[in-house]
Amino acid sequence: RNFDKGLFQPKLEAAVAEALNRYPGSYEAALGEAYLIVG
């Protein structure tokens, strides 16, 4: 993400949305939301 926020931020958000939709409360969702908070 940090190499090009404009390019990769939307892709990160899409991956996190998939994690939240498929497996809410999972490690994948927790990790994804953590990345978003870091940003």
Full PDB file with SEQRES, HELIX, SHEET, SSBOND, CRYST1, ORIGX, SCALE, CONECT and MASTER records, all heavy atoms in Angstrom:
SEQRES   1 A   39  ARG ASN PHE ASP LYS GLY LEU PHE GLN PRO LYS LEU GLU          
SEQRES   2 A   39  ALA ALA VAL ALA GLU ALA LEU ASN ARG TYR PRO GLY SER          
SEQRES   3 A   39  TYR GLU ALA ALA LEU GLY GLU ALA TYR LEU ILE VAL GLY          
HELIX    1 AA1 LYS A    5  ARG A   22  1                                  18    
HELIX    2 AA2 TYR A   27  VAL A   38  1                                  12    
CRYST1    1.000    1.000    1.000  90.00  90.00  90.00 P 1           1          
ORIGX1      1.000000  0.000000  0.000000        0.00000                         
ORIGX2      0.000000  1.000000  0.000000        0.00000                         
ORIGX3      0.000000  0.000000  1.000000        0.00000                         
SCALE1      1.000000  0.000000  0.000000        0.00000                         
SCALE2      0.000000  1.000000  0.000000        0.00000                         
SCALE3      0.000000  0.000000  1.000000        0.00000                         
ATOM      1  N   ARG A   1       0.804  -1.221   0.000  1.00  0.00           N  
ATOM      2  CA  ARG A   1       0.000   0.000   0.000  1.00  0.00           C  
ATOM      3  C   ARG A   1       0.837   1.272   0.000  1.00  0.00           C  
ATOM      4  O   ARG A   1       0.579   2.201  -0.768  1.00  0.00           O  
ATOM      5  CB  ARG A   1      -0.932   0.006   1.211  1.00  0.00           C  
ATOM      6  CG  ARG A   1      -1.703   1.311   1.393  1.00  0.00           C  
ATOM      7  CD  ARG A   1      -2.398   1.375   2.735  1.00  0.00           C  
ATOM      8  NE  ARG A   1      -3.000   2.687   2.944  1.00  0.00           N  
ATOM      9  CZ  ARG A   1      -2.344   3.727   3.434  1.00  0.00           C  
ATOM     10  NH1 ARG A   1      -1.071   3.617   3.751  1.00  0.00           N  
ATOM     11  NH2 ARG A   1      -2.956   4.888   3.596  1.00  0.00           N  
ATOM     12  N   ASN A   2       1.854   1.340   0.837  1.00  0.00           N  
ATOM     13  CA  ASN A   2       2.620   2.581   0.984  1.00  0.00           C  
ATOM     14  C   ASN A   2       3.486   2.915  -0.216  1.00  0.00           C  
ATOM     15  O   ASN A   2       3.990   4.038  -0.312  1.00  0.00           O  
ATOM     16  CB  ASN A   2       3.485   2.526   2.245  1.00  0.00           C  
ATOM     17  CG  ASN A   2       2.662   2.733   3.508  1.00  0.00           C  
ATOM     18  OD1 ASN A   2       1.612   3.359   3.477  1.00  0.00           O  
ATOM     19  ND2 ASN A   2       3.126   2.182   4.609  1.00  0.00           N  
ATOM     20  N   PHE A   3       3.668   1.978  -1.127  1.00  0.00           N  
ATOM     21  CA  PHE A   3       4.466   2.269  -2.318  1.00  0.00           C  
ATOM     22  C   PHE A   3       3.696   3.152  -3.302  1.00  0.00           C  
ATOM     23  O   PHE A   3       4.305   3.887  -4.074  1.00  0.00           O  
ATOM     24  CB  PHE A   3       4.910   0.972  -3.004  1.00  0.00           C  
ATOM     25  CG  PHE A   3       5.929   0.202  -2.217  1.00  0.00           C  
ATOM     26  CD1 PHE A   3       5.560  -0.910  -1.471  1.00  0.00           C  
ATOM     27  CD2 PHE A   3       7.261   0.588  -2.212  1.00  0.00           C  
ATOM     28  CE1 PHE A   3       6.499  -1.630  -0.749  1.00  0.00           C  
ATOM     29  CE2 PHE A   3       8.216  -0.119  -1.494  1.00  0.00           C  
ATOM     30  CZ  PHE A   3       7.827  -1.228  -0.748  1.00  0.00           C  
ATOM     31  N   ASP A   4       2.379   3.059  -3.286  1.00  0.00           N  
ATOM     32  CA  ASP A   4       1.538   3.917  -4.132  1.00  0.00           C  
ATOM     33  C   ASP A   4       0.112   3.862  -3.565  1.00  0.00           C  
ATOM     34  O   ASP A   4      -0.679   2.997  -3.928  1.00  0.00           O  
ATOM     35  CB  ASP A   4       1.553   3.447  -5.590  1.00  0.00           C  
ATOM     36  CG  ASP A   4       0.863   4.447  -6.528  1.00  0.00           C  
ATOM     37  OD1 ASP A   4      -0.166   5.031  -6.135  1.00  0.00           O  
ATOM     38  OD2 ASP A   4       1.369   4.636  -7.649  1.00  0.00           O  
ATOM     39  N   LYS A   5      -0.178   4.782  -2.648  1.00  0.00           N  
ATOM     40  CA  LYS A   5      -1.471   4.743  -1.950  1.00  0.00           C  
ATOM     41  C   LYS A   5      -2.641   4.892  -2.911  1.00  0.00           C  
ATOM     42  O   LYS A   5      -3.679   4.249  -2.748  1.00  0.00           O  
ATOM     43  CB  LYS A   5      -1.515   5.826  -0.878  1.00  0.00           C  
ATOM     44  CG  LYS A   5      -0.521   5.633   0.258  1.00  0.00           C  
ATOM     45  CD  LYS A   5      -0.658   6.737   1.292  1.00  0.00           C  
ATOM     46  CE  LYS A   5       0.300   6.522   2.455  1.00  0.00           C  
ATOM     47  NZ  LYS A   5       1.712   6.663   2.082  1.00  0.00           N  
ATOM     48  N   GLY A   6      -2.485   5.758  -3.912  1.00  0.00           N  
ATOM     49  CA  GLY A   6      -3.577   5.967  -4.851  1.00  0.00           C  
ATOM     50  C   GLY A   6      -3.942   4.714  -5.608  1.00  0.00           C  
ATOM     51  O   GLY A   6      -5.121   4.459  -5.891  1.00  0.00           O  
ATOM     52  N   LEU A   7      -2.946   3.905  -5.925  1.00  0.00           N  
ATOM     53  CA  LEU A   7      -3.171   2.678  -6.676  1.00  0.00           C  
ATOM     54  C   LEU A   7      -3.619   1.532  -5.774  1.00  0.00           C  
ATOM     55  O   LEU A   7      -4.574   0.805  -6.090  1.00  0.00           O  
ATOM     56  CB  LEU A   7      -1.887   2.276  -7.408  1.00  0.00           C  
ATOM     57  CG  LEU A   7      -1.910   0.930  -8.149  1.00  0.00           C  
ATOM     58  CD1 LEU A   7      -2.965   0.937  -9.249  1.00  0.00           C  
ATOM     59  CD2 LEU A   7      -0.521   0.629  -8.723  1.00  0.00           C  
ATOM     60  N   PHE A   8      -2.936   1.353  -4.631  1.00  0.00           N  
ATOM     61  CA  PHE A   8      -3.135   0.143  -3.838  1.00  0.00           C  
ATOM     62  C   PHE A   8      -4.151   0.283  -2.703  1.00  0.00           C  
ATOM     63  O   PHE A   8      -4.678  -0.727  -2.235  1.00  0.00           O  
ATOM     64  CB  PHE A   8      -1.790  -0.329  -3.268  1.00  0.00           C  
ATOM     65  CG  PHE A   8      -0.815  -0.782  -4.317  1.00  0.00           C  
ATOM     66  CD1 PHE A   8       0.451  -0.219  -4.408  1.00  0.00           C  
ATOM     67  CD2 PHE A   8      -1.167  -1.762  -5.233  1.00  0.00           C  
ATOM     68  CE1 PHE A   8       1.354  -0.638  -5.368  1.00  0.00           C  
ATOM     69  CE2 PHE A   8      -0.272  -2.193  -6.200  1.00  0.00           C  
ATOM     70  CZ  PHE A   8       0.994  -1.625  -6.276  1.00  0.00           C  
ATOM     71  N   GLN A   9      -4.436   1.512  -2.265  1.00  0.00           N  
ATOM     72  CA  GLN A   9      -5.417   1.663  -1.190  1.00  0.00           C  
ATOM     73  C   GLN A   9      -6.789   1.093  -1.564  1.00  0.00           C  
ATOM     74  O   GLN A   9      -7.380   0.342  -0.776  1.00  0.00           O  
ATOM     75  CB  GLN A   9      -5.544   3.142  -0.789  1.00  0.00           C  
ATOM     76  CG  GLN A   9      -6.575   3.430   0.296  1.00  0.00           C  
ATOM     77  CD  GLN A   9      -6.171   2.897   1.661  1.00  0.00           C  
ATOM     78  OE1 GLN A   9      -5.000   2.647   1.917  1.00  0.00           O  
ATOM     79  NE2 GLN A   9      -7.146   2.710   2.542  1.00  0.00           N  
ATOM     80  N   PRO A  10      -7.319   1.410  -2.754  1.00  0.00           N  
ATOM     81  CA  PRO A  10      -8.619   0.819  -3.117  1.00  0.00           C  
ATOM     82  C   PRO A  10      -8.589  -0.706  -3.187  1.00  0.00           C  
ATOM     83  O   PRO A  10      -9.574  -1.373  -2.856  1.00  0.00           O  
ATOM     84  CB  PRO A  10      -8.912   1.426  -4.497  1.00  0.00           C  
ATOM     85  CG  PRO A  10      -8.089   2.672  -4.550  1.00  0.00           C  
ATOM     86  CD  PRO A  10      -6.846   2.352  -3.785  1.00  0.00           C  
ATOM     87  N   LYS A  11      -7.458  -1.252  -3.609  1.00  0.00           N  
ATOM     88  CA  LYS A  11      -7.324  -2.706  -3.686  1.00  0.00           C  
ATOM     89  C   LYS A  11      -7.282  -3.322  -2.291  1.00  0.00           C  
ATOM     90  O   LYS A  11      -7.827  -4.410  -2.054  1.00  0.00           O  
ATOM     91  CB  LYS A  11      -6.074  -3.076  -4.491  1.00  0.00           C  
ATOM     92  CG  LYS A  11      -6.163  -2.690  -5.971  1.00  0.00           C  
ATOM     93  CD  LYS A  11      -4.873  -3.005  -6.701  1.00  0.00           C  
ATOM     94  CE  LYS A  11      -4.956  -2.644  -8.174  1.00  0.00           C  
ATOM     95  NZ  LYS A  11      -5.875  -3.533  -8.933  1.00  0.00           N  
ATOM     96  N   LEU A  12      -6.617  -2.634  -1.360  1.00  0.00           N  
ATOM     97  CA  LEU A  12      -6.616  -3.092   0.025  1.00  0.00           C  
ATOM     98  C   LEU A  12      -8.030  -3.051   0.591  1.00  0.00           C  
ATOM     99  O   LEU A  12      -8.483  -4.006   1.240  1.00  0.00           O  
ATOM    100  CB  LEU A  12      -5.684  -2.226   0.871  1.00  0.00           C  
ATOM    101  CG  LEU A  12      -5.712  -2.479   2.388  1.00  0.00           C  
ATOM    102  CD1 LEU A  12      -5.316  -3.912   2.712  1.00  0.00           C  
ATOM    103  CD2 LEU A  12      -4.808  -1.479   3.107  1.00  0.00           C  
ATOM    104  N   GLU A  13      -8.735  -1.965   0.340  1.00  0.00           N  
ATOM    105  CA  GLU A  13     -10.106  -1.832   0.843  1.00  0.00           C  
ATOM    106  C   GLU A  13     -11.013  -2.928   0.284  1.00  0.00           C  
ATOM    107  O   GLU A  13     -11.882  -3.452   0.986  1.00  0.00           O  
ATOM    108  CB  GLU A  13     -10.650  -0.447   0.509  1.00  0.00           C  
ATOM    109  CG  GLU A  13      -9.949   0.671   1.281  1.00  0.00           C  
ATOM    110  CD  GLU A  13     -10.361   2.049   0.815  1.00  0.00           C  
ATOM    111  OE1 GLU A  13     -11.140   2.153  -0.157  1.00  0.00           O  
ATOM    112  OE2 GLU A  13      -9.907   3.043   1.428  1.00  0.00           O  
ATOM    113  N   ALA A  14     -10.801  -3.283  -0.979  1.00  0.00           N  
ATOM    114  CA  ALA A  14     -11.598  -4.345  -1.588  1.00  0.00           C  
ATOM    115  C   ALA A  14     -11.314  -5.694  -0.927  1.00  0.00           C  
ATOM    116  O   ALA A  14     -12.234  -6.489  -0.677  1.00  0.00           O  
ATOM    117  CB  ALA A  14     -11.316  -4.425  -3.087  1.00  0.00           C  
ATOM    118  N   ALA A  15     -10.048  -5.954  -0.639  1.00  0.00           N  
ATOM    119  CA  ALA A  15      -9.680  -7.211   0.020  1.00  0.00           C  
ATOM    120  C   ALA A  15     -10.268  -7.270   1.428  1.00  0.00           C  
ATOM    121  O   ALA A  15     -10.773  -8.313   1.861  1.00  0.00           O  
ATOM    122  CB  ALA A  15      -8.161  -7.346   0.072  1.00  0.00           C  
ATOM    123  N   VAL A  16     -10.208  -6.144   2.143  1.00  0.00           N  
ATOM    124  CA  VAL A  16     -10.759  -6.094   3.499  1.00  0.00           C  
ATOM    125  C   VAL A  16     -12.279  -6.284   3.459  1.00  0.00           C  
ATOM    126  O   VAL A  16     -12.856  -6.999   4.292  1.00  0.00           O  
ATOM    127  CB  VAL A  16     -10.392  -4.776   4.190  1.00  0.00           C  
ATOM    128  CG1 VAL A  16     -11.063  -4.683   5.566  1.00  0.00           C  
ATOM    129  CG2 VAL A  16      -8.886  -4.654   4.336  1.00  0.00           C  
ATOM    130  N   ALA A  17     -12.935  -5.664   2.487  1.00  0.00           N  
ATOM    131  CA  ALA A  17     -14.392  -5.814   2.353  1.00  0.00           C  
ATOM    132  C   ALA A  17     -14.756  -7.278   2.125  1.00  0.00           C  
ATOM    133  O   ALA A  17     -15.752  -7.777   2.677  1.00  0.00           O  
ATOM    134  CB  ALA A  17     -14.901  -4.942   1.212  1.00  0.00           C  
ATOM    135  N   GLU A  18     -13.960  -7.978   1.332  1.00  0.00           N  
ATOM    136  CA  GLU A  18     -14.214  -9.394   1.085  1.00  0.00           C  
ATOM    137  C   GLU A  18     -14.061 -10.198   2.384  1.00  0.00           C  
ATOM    138  O   GLU A  18     -14.866 -11.094   2.669  1.00  0.00           O  
ATOM    139  CB  GLU A  18     -13.237  -9.920   0.034  1.00  0.00           C  
ATOM    140  CG  GLU A  18     -13.430 -11.375  -0.345  1.00  0.00           C  
ATOM    141  CD  GLU A  18     -14.692 -11.626  -1.150  1.00  0.00           C  
ATOM    142  OE1 GLU A  18     -15.259 -10.655  -1.707  1.00  0.00           O  
ATOM    143  OE2 GLU A  18     -15.125 -12.795  -1.218  1.00  0.00           O  
ATOM    144  N   ALA A  19     -13.030  -9.853   3.166  1.00  0.00           N  
ATOM    145  CA  ALA A  19     -12.817 -10.553   4.434  1.00  0.00           C  
ATOM    146  C   ALA A  19     -13.970 -10.307   5.399  1.00  0.00           C  
ATOM    147  O   ALA A  19     -14.459 -11.239   6.060  1.00  0.00           O  
ATOM    148  CB  ALA A  19     -11.498 -10.104   5.058  1.00  0.00           C  
ATOM    149  N   LEU A  20     -14.432  -9.069   5.467  1.00  0.00           N  
ATOM    150  CA  LEU A  20     -15.535  -8.729   6.368  1.00  0.00           C  
ATOM    151  C   LEU A  20     -16.831  -9.407   5.934  1.00  0.00           C  
ATOM    152  O   LEU A  20     -17.637  -9.815   6.770  1.00  0.00           O  
ATOM    153  CB  LEU A  20     -15.723  -7.214   6.415  1.00  0.00           C  
ATOM    154  CG  LEU A  20     -14.618  -6.424   7.130  1.00  0.00           C  
ATOM    155  CD1 LEU A  20     -14.769  -4.932   6.859  1.00  0.00           C  
ATOM    156  CD2 LEU A  20     -14.655  -6.695   8.621  1.00  0.00           C  
ATOM    157  N   ASN A  21     -17.005  -9.526   4.643  1.00  0.00           N  
ATOM    158  CA  ASN A  21     -18.224 -10.137   4.120  1.00  0.00           C  
ATOM    159  C   ASN A  21     -18.214 -11.658   4.303  1.00  0.00           C  
ATOM    160  O   ASN A  21     -19.216 -12.258   4.717  1.00  0.00           O  
ATOM    161  CB  ASN A  21     -18.384  -9.796   2.646  1.00  0.00           C  
ATOM    162  CG  ASN A  21     -19.639 -10.409   2.042  1.00  0.00           C  
ATOM    163  OD1 ASN A  21     -20.741 -10.154   2.493  1.00  0.00           O  
ATOM    164  ND2 ASN A  21     -19.455 -11.238   1.016  1.00  0.00           N  
ATOM    165  N   ARG A  22     -17.091 -12.282   4.005  1.00  0.00           N  
ATOM    166  CA  ARG A  22     -17.010 -13.742   4.060  1.00  0.00           C  
ATOM    167  C   ARG A  22     -16.873 -14.260   5.491  1.00  0.00           C  
ATOM    168  O   ARG A  22     -17.550 -15.200   5.894  1.00  0.00           O  
ATOM    169  CB  ARG A  22     -15.796 -14.237   3.259  1.00  0.00           C  
ATOM    170  CG  ARG A  22     -16.070 -14.513   1.814  1.00  0.00           C  
ATOM    171  CD  ARG A  22     -14.816 -15.076   1.170  1.00  0.00           C  
ATOM    172  NE  ARG A  22     -15.021 -15.273  -0.248  1.00  0.00           N  
ATOM    173  CZ  ARG A  22     -15.450 -16.403  -0.802  1.00  0.00           C  
ATOM    174  NH1 ARG A  22     -15.705 -17.449  -0.040  1.00  0.00           N  
ATOM    175  NH2 ARG A  22     -15.615 -16.493  -2.109  1.00  0.00           N  
ATOM    176  N   TYR A  23     -15.935 -13.661   6.218  1.00  0.00           N  
ATOM    177  CA  TYR A  23     -15.587 -14.190   7.528  1.00  0.00           C  
ATOM    178  C   TYR A  23     -15.515 -13.074   8.563  1.00  0.00           C  
ATOM    179  O   TYR A  23     -14.438 -12.734   9.059  1.00  0.00           O  
ATOM    180  CB  TYR A  23     -14.238 -14.921   7.466  1.00  0.00           C  
ATOM    181  CG  TYR A  23     -14.180 -16.053   6.472  1.00  0.00           C  
ATOM    182  CD1 TYR A  23     -13.290 -16.008   5.390  1.00  0.00           C  
ATOM    183  CD2 TYR A  23     -14.993 -17.171   6.620  1.00  0.00           C  
ATOM    184  CE1 TYR A  23     -13.229 -17.061   4.480  1.00  0.00           C  
ATOM    185  CE2 TYR A  23     -14.937 -18.216   5.708  1.00  0.00           C  
ATOM    186  CZ  TYR A  23     -14.055 -18.154   4.647  1.00  0.00           C  
ATOM    187  OH  TYR A  23     -13.999 -19.198   3.749  1.00  0.00           O  
ATOM    188  N   PRO A  24     -16.646 -12.474   8.921  1.00  0.00           N  
ATOM    189  CA  PRO A  24     -16.635 -11.424   9.943  1.00  0.00           C  
ATOM    190  C   PRO A  24     -16.101 -11.969  11.266  1.00  0.00           C  
ATOM    191  O   PRO A  24     -16.436 -13.086  11.661  1.00  0.00           O  
ATOM    192  CB  PRO A  24     -18.108 -11.021  10.052  1.00  0.00           C  
ATOM    193  CG  PRO A  24     -18.868 -12.160   9.471  1.00  0.00           C  
ATOM    194  CD  PRO A  24     -18.009 -12.758   8.425  1.00  0.00           C  
ATOM    195  N   GLY A  25     -15.251 -11.194  11.914  1.00  0.00           N  
ATOM    196  CA  GLY A  25     -14.658 -11.619  13.176  1.00  0.00           C  
ATOM    197  C   GLY A  25     -13.432 -12.489  13.028  1.00  0.00           C  
ATOM    198  O   GLY A  25     -12.821 -12.877  14.019  1.00  0.00           O  
ATOM    199  N   SER A  26     -13.050 -12.802  11.776  1.00  0.00           N  
ATOM    200  CA  SER A  26     -11.902 -13.677  11.538  1.00  0.00           C  
ATOM    201  C   SER A  26     -10.586 -12.916  11.656  1.00  0.00           C  
ATOM    202  O   SER A  26     -10.552 -11.678  11.696  1.00  0.00           O  
ATOM    203  CB  SER A  26     -11.994 -14.272  10.131  1.00  0.00           C  
ATOM    204  OG  SER A  26     -11.840 -13.242   9.159  1.00  0.00           O  
ATOM    205  N   TYR A  27      -9.491 -13.684  11.664  1.00  0.00           N  
ATOM    206  CA  TYR A  27      -8.169 -13.058  11.683  1.00  0.00           C  
ATOM    207  C   TYR A  27      -7.946 -12.224  10.424  1.00  0.00           C  
ATOM    208  O   TYR A  27      -7.348 -11.150  10.479  1.00  0.00           O  
ATOM    209  CB  TYR A  27      -7.067 -14.113  11.797  1.00  0.00           C  
ATOM    210  CG  TYR A  27      -5.686 -13.497  11.789  1.00  0.00           C  
ATOM    211  CD1 TYR A  27      -5.189 -12.870  12.926  1.00  0.00           C  
ATOM    212  CD2 TYR A  27      -4.899 -13.503  10.639  1.00  0.00           C  
ATOM    213  CE1 TYR A  27      -3.942 -12.269  12.919  1.00  0.00           C  
ATOM    214  CE2 TYR A  27      -3.651 -12.910  10.623  1.00  0.00           C  
ATOM    215  CZ  TYR A  27      -3.181 -12.295  11.775  1.00  0.00           C  
ATOM    216  OH  TYR A  27      -1.946 -11.693  11.749  1.00  0.00           O  
ATOM    217  N   GLU A  28      -8.432 -12.715   9.286  1.00  0.00           N  
ATOM    218  CA  GLU A  28      -8.251 -11.977   8.033  1.00  0.00           C  
ATOM    219  C   GLU A  28      -8.936 -10.612   8.113  1.00  0.00           C  
ATOM    220  O   GLU A  28      -8.389  -9.594   7.676  1.00  0.00           O  
ATOM    221  CB  GLU A  28      -8.814 -12.764   6.846  1.00  0.00           C  
ATOM    222  CG  GLU A  28      -8.152 -14.106   6.604  1.00  0.00           C  
ATOM    223  CD  GLU A  28      -8.650 -15.185   7.549  1.00  0.00           C  
ATOM    224  OE1 GLU A  28      -9.874 -15.335   7.703  1.00  0.00           O  
ATOM    225  OE2 GLU A  28      -7.807 -15.867   8.148  1.00  0.00           O  
ATOM    226  N   ALA A  29     -10.133 -10.579   8.683  1.00  0.00           N  
ATOM    227  CA  ALA A  29     -10.847  -9.314   8.834  1.00  0.00           C  
ATOM    228  C   ALA A  29     -10.130  -8.407   9.829  1.00  0.00           C  
ATOM    229  O   ALA A  29      -9.983  -7.199   9.596  1.00  0.00           O  
ATOM    230  CB  ALA A  29     -12.284  -9.572   9.299  1.00  0.00           C  
ATOM    231  N   ALA A  30      -9.658  -8.986  10.930  1.00  0.00           N  
ATOM    232  CA  ALA A  30      -8.928  -8.203  11.931  1.00  0.00           C  
ATOM    233  C   ALA A  30      -7.653  -7.613  11.343  1.00  0.00           C  
ATOM    234  O   ALA A  30      -7.328  -6.436  11.558  1.00  0.00           O  
ATOM    235  CB  ALA A  30      -8.588  -9.085  13.136  1.00  0.00           C  
ATOM    236  N   LEU A  31      -6.934  -8.424  10.572  1.00  0.00           N  
ATOM    237  CA  LEU A  31      -5.693  -7.953   9.951  1.00  0.00           C  
ATOM    238  C   LEU A  31      -5.981  -6.839   8.948  1.00  0.00           C  
ATOM    239  O   LEU A  31      -5.295  -5.815   8.915  1.00  0.00           O  
ATOM    240  CB  LEU A  31      -4.999  -9.124   9.258  1.00  0.00           C  
ATOM    241  CG  LEU A  31      -3.688  -8.814   8.533  1.00  0.00           C  
ATOM    242  CD1 LEU A  31      -2.638  -8.323   9.510  1.00  0.00           C  
ATOM    243  CD2 LEU A  31      -3.191 -10.056   7.791  1.00  0.00           C  
ATOM    244  N   GLY A  32      -7.018  -7.046   8.134  1.00  0.00           N  
ATOM    245  CA  GLY A  32      -7.358  -6.036   7.136  1.00  0.00           C  
ATOM    246  C   GLY A  32      -7.737  -4.716   7.773  1.00  0.00           C  
ATOM    247  O   GLY A  32      -7.278  -3.648   7.344  1.00  0.00           O  
ATOM    248  N   GLU A  33      -8.577  -4.762   8.795  1.00  0.00           N  
ATOM    249  CA  GLU A  33      -8.966  -3.513   9.455  1.00  0.00           C  
ATOM    250  C   GLU A  33      -7.775  -2.866  10.152  1.00  0.00           C  
ATOM    251  O   GLU A  33      -7.677  -1.636  10.225  1.00  0.00           O  
ATOM    252  CB  GLU A  33     -10.099  -3.774  10.439  1.00  0.00           C  
ATOM    253  CG  GLU A  33     -11.423  -4.104   9.759  1.00  0.00           C  
ATOM    254  CD  GLU A  33     -12.607  -3.602  10.547  1.00  0.00           C  
ATOM    255  OE1 GLU A  33     -12.809  -2.375  10.597  1.00  0.00           O  
ATOM    256  OE2 GLU A  33     -13.321  -4.458  11.108  1.00  0.00           O  
ATOM    257  N   ALA A  34      -6.847  -3.680  10.658  1.00  0.00           N  
ATOM    258  CA  ALA A  34      -5.640  -3.127  11.278  1.00  0.00           C  
ATOM    259  C   ALA A  34      -4.810  -2.364  10.246  1.00  0.00           C  
ATOM    260  O   ALA A  34      -4.302  -1.269  10.519  1.00  0.00           O  
ATOM    261  CB  ALA A  34      -4.813  -4.242  11.915  1.00  0.00           C  
ATOM    262  N   TYR A  35      -4.670  -2.934   9.050  1.00  0.00           N  
ATOM    263  CA  TYR A  35      -3.948  -2.228   7.987  1.00  0.00           C  
ATOM    264  C   TYR A  35      -4.614  -0.892   7.671  1.00  0.00           C  
ATOM    265  O   TYR A  35      -3.940   0.133   7.470  1.00  0.00           O  
ATOM    266  CB  TYR A  35      -3.908  -3.078   6.722  1.00  0.00           C  
ATOM    267  CG  TYR A  35      -2.807  -4.104   6.678  1.00  0.00           C  
ATOM    268  CD1 TYR A  35      -3.102  -5.446   6.434  1.00  0.00           C  
ATOM    269  CD2 TYR A  35      -1.473  -3.750   6.836  1.00  0.00           C  
ATOM    270  CE1 TYR A  35      -2.094  -6.399   6.370  1.00  0.00           C  
ATOM    271  CE2 TYR A  35      -0.473  -4.692   6.782  1.00  0.00           C  
ATOM    272  CZ  TYR A  35      -0.778  -6.016   6.543  1.00  0.00           C  
ATOM    273  OH  TYR A  35       0.218  -6.958   6.485  1.00  0.00           O  
ATOM    274  N   LEU A  36      -5.934  -0.877   7.626  1.00  0.00           N  
ATOM    275  CA  LEU A  36      -6.647   0.373   7.326  1.00  0.00           C  
ATOM    276  C   LEU A  36      -6.425   1.399   8.427  1.00  0.00           C  
ATOM    277  O   LEU A  36      -6.224   2.592   8.147  1.00  0.00           O  
ATOM    278  CB  LEU A  36      -8.142   0.094   7.151  1.00  0.00           C  
ATOM    279  CG  LEU A  36      -8.535  -0.773   5.950  1.00  0.00           C  
ATOM    280  CD1 LEU A  36     -10.050  -0.962   5.918  1.00  0.00           C  
ATOM    281  CD2 LEU A  36      -8.051  -0.156   4.641  1.00  0.00           C  
ATOM    282  N   ILE A  37      -6.441   0.965   9.674  1.00  0.00           N  
ATOM    283  CA  ILE A  37      -6.209   1.889  10.789  1.00  0.00           C  
ATOM    284  C   ILE A  37      -4.793   2.448  10.741  1.00  0.00           C  
ATOM    285  O   ILE A  37      -4.573   3.635  10.962  1.00  0.00           O  
ATOM    286  CB  ILE A  37      -6.489   1.191  12.130  1.00  0.00           C  
ATOM    287  CG1 ILE A  37      -7.981   0.872  12.256  1.00  0.00           C  
ATOM    288  CG2 ILE A  37      -6.055   2.064  13.304  1.00  0.00           C  
ATOM    289  CD1 ILE A  37      -8.335  -0.010  13.445  1.00  0.00           C  
ATOM    290  N   VAL A  38      -3.827   1.582  10.441  1.00  0.00           N  
ATOM    291  CA  VAL A  38      -2.432   2.044  10.318  1.00  0.00           C  
ATOM    292  C   VAL A  38      -2.332   3.158   9.278  1.00  0.00           C  
ATOM    293  O   VAL A  38      -1.672   4.177   9.489  1.00  0.00           O  
ATOM    294  CB  VAL A  38      -1.500   0.878   9.941  1.00  0.00           C  
ATOM    295  CG1 VAL A  38      -0.125   1.399   9.536  1.00  0.00           C  
ATOM    296  CG2 VAL A  38      -1.366  -0.084  11.106  1.00  0.00           C  
ATOM    297  N   GLY A  39      -3.003   2.989   8.153  1.00  0.00           N  
ATOM    298  CA  GLY A  39      -2.961   4.002   7.109  1.00  0.00           C  
ATOM    299  C   GLY A  39      -3.604   5.313   7.521  1.00  0.00           C  
ATOM    300  O   GLY A  39      -3.213   6.383   7.041  1.00  0.00           O  
TER     301      GLY A  39                                                      
MASTER        0    0    0    2    0    0    0    6  300    1    0    3          
END                                                                             
